């Protein structure tokens, strides 16, 4: 965890947030009757405040039915 280098702690939290957002997108697609998701887009944001940083991950895609 050094400045200018890779942060293992940050990468771990980023992967965890991405996995949660992706699973939520898949669950939503299934609830709509889809069995696949296409055109997936992942956006990352770090929101800073006086008390610390918050990581935001947004995942979007289109639910489809593949036969």
Protein backbone atom coordinates (compact mmCIF):
# COMPACT_ATOMS: atom_id res chain seq x y z
CA UNK A 1 0.00 0.00 0.00
CA UNK A 2 2.32 2.70 -1.26
CA UNK A 3 1.75 5.95 -3.09
CA UNK A 4 2.13 5.53 -6.83
CA UNK A 5 1.99 1.75 -6.60
CA UNK A 6 -0.68 -0.90 -6.39
CA UNK A 7 -2.68 -1.10 -3.21
CA UNK A 8 -3.60 -4.67 -2.31
CA UNK A 9 -6.19 -3.47 0.21
CA UNK A 10 -7.81 -1.14 -2.33
CA UNK A 11 -7.83 -3.82 -5.04
CA UNK A 12 -9.46 -6.28 -2.62
CA UNK A 13 -12.24 -3.83 -1.76
CA UNK A 14 -12.70 -2.93 -5.43
CA UNK A 15 -13.12 -6.59 -6.39
CA UNK A 16 -15.57 -7.16 -3.53
CA UNK A 17 -17.67 -4.13 -4.55
CA UNK A 18 -17.62 -5.21 -8.23
CA UNK A 19 -18.71 -8.74 -7.32
CA UNK A 20 -21.61 -7.46 -5.19
CA UNK A 21 -22.80 -5.06 -7.91
CA UNK A 22 -22.53 -7.75 -10.58
CA UNK A 23 -24.51 -10.26 -8.50
CA UNK A 24 -27.23 -7.66 -7.93
CA UNK A 25 -27.41 -7.01 -11.69
CA UNK A 26 -27.69 -10.75 -12.40
CA UNK A 27 -30.46 -11.15 -9.80
CA UNK A 28 -32.36 -8.24 -11.35
CA UNK A 29 -31.99 -9.74 -14.84
CA UNK A 30 -33.30 -13.09 -13.57
CA UNK A 31 -36.28 -11.40 -11.90
CA UNK A 32 -37.12 -9.88 -15.30
CA UNK A 33 -37.04 -13.34 -16.92
CA UNK A 34 -33.61 -13.04 -18.51
CA UNK A 35 -31.04 -15.80 -18.58
CA UNK A 36 -28.12 -13.66 -19.78
CA UNK A 37 -26.86 -10.09 -19.59
CA UNK A 38 -25.25 -8.31 -22.53
CA UNK A 39 -23.50 -4.95 -23.00
CA UNK A 40 -22.21 -4.87 -19.43
CA UNK A 41 -20.67 -1.58 -18.28
CA UNK A 42 -18.82 -1.12 -14.99
CA UNK A 43 -18.13 2.32 -13.54
CA UNK A 44 -16.00 3.08 -10.48
CA UNK A 45 -16.04 6.22 -8.34
CA UNK A 46 -14.30 7.20 -5.14
CA UNK A 47 -16.27 9.67 -3.09
CA UNK A 48 -14.26 11.62 -0.52
CA UNK A 49 -15.71 13.18 2.59
CA UNK A 50 -14.33 14.64 5.78
CA UNK A 51 -14.55 11.27 7.53
CA UNK A 52 -12.99 9.15 4.78
CA UNK A 53 -13.52 7.70 1.34
CA UNK A 54 -16.37 5.65 -0.04
CA UNK A 55 -16.05 3.39 -3.07
CA UNK A 56 -18.99 3.29 -5.47
CA UNK A 57 -19.34 0.69 -8.21
CA UNK A 58 -22.18 0.81 -10.73
CA UNK A 59 -22.81 -2.12 -13.05
CA UNK A 60 -25.37 -2.02 -15.83
CA UNK A 61 -26.35 -4.27 -18.69
CA UNK A 62 -29.29 -5.50 -20.74
CA UNK A 63 -31.18 -8.60 -19.64
CA UNK A 64 -31.93 -10.97 -22.54
CA UNK A 65 -33.25 -14.47 -23.10
CA UNK A 66 -30.86 -16.74 -24.97
CA UNK A 67 -32.38 -19.89 -26.42
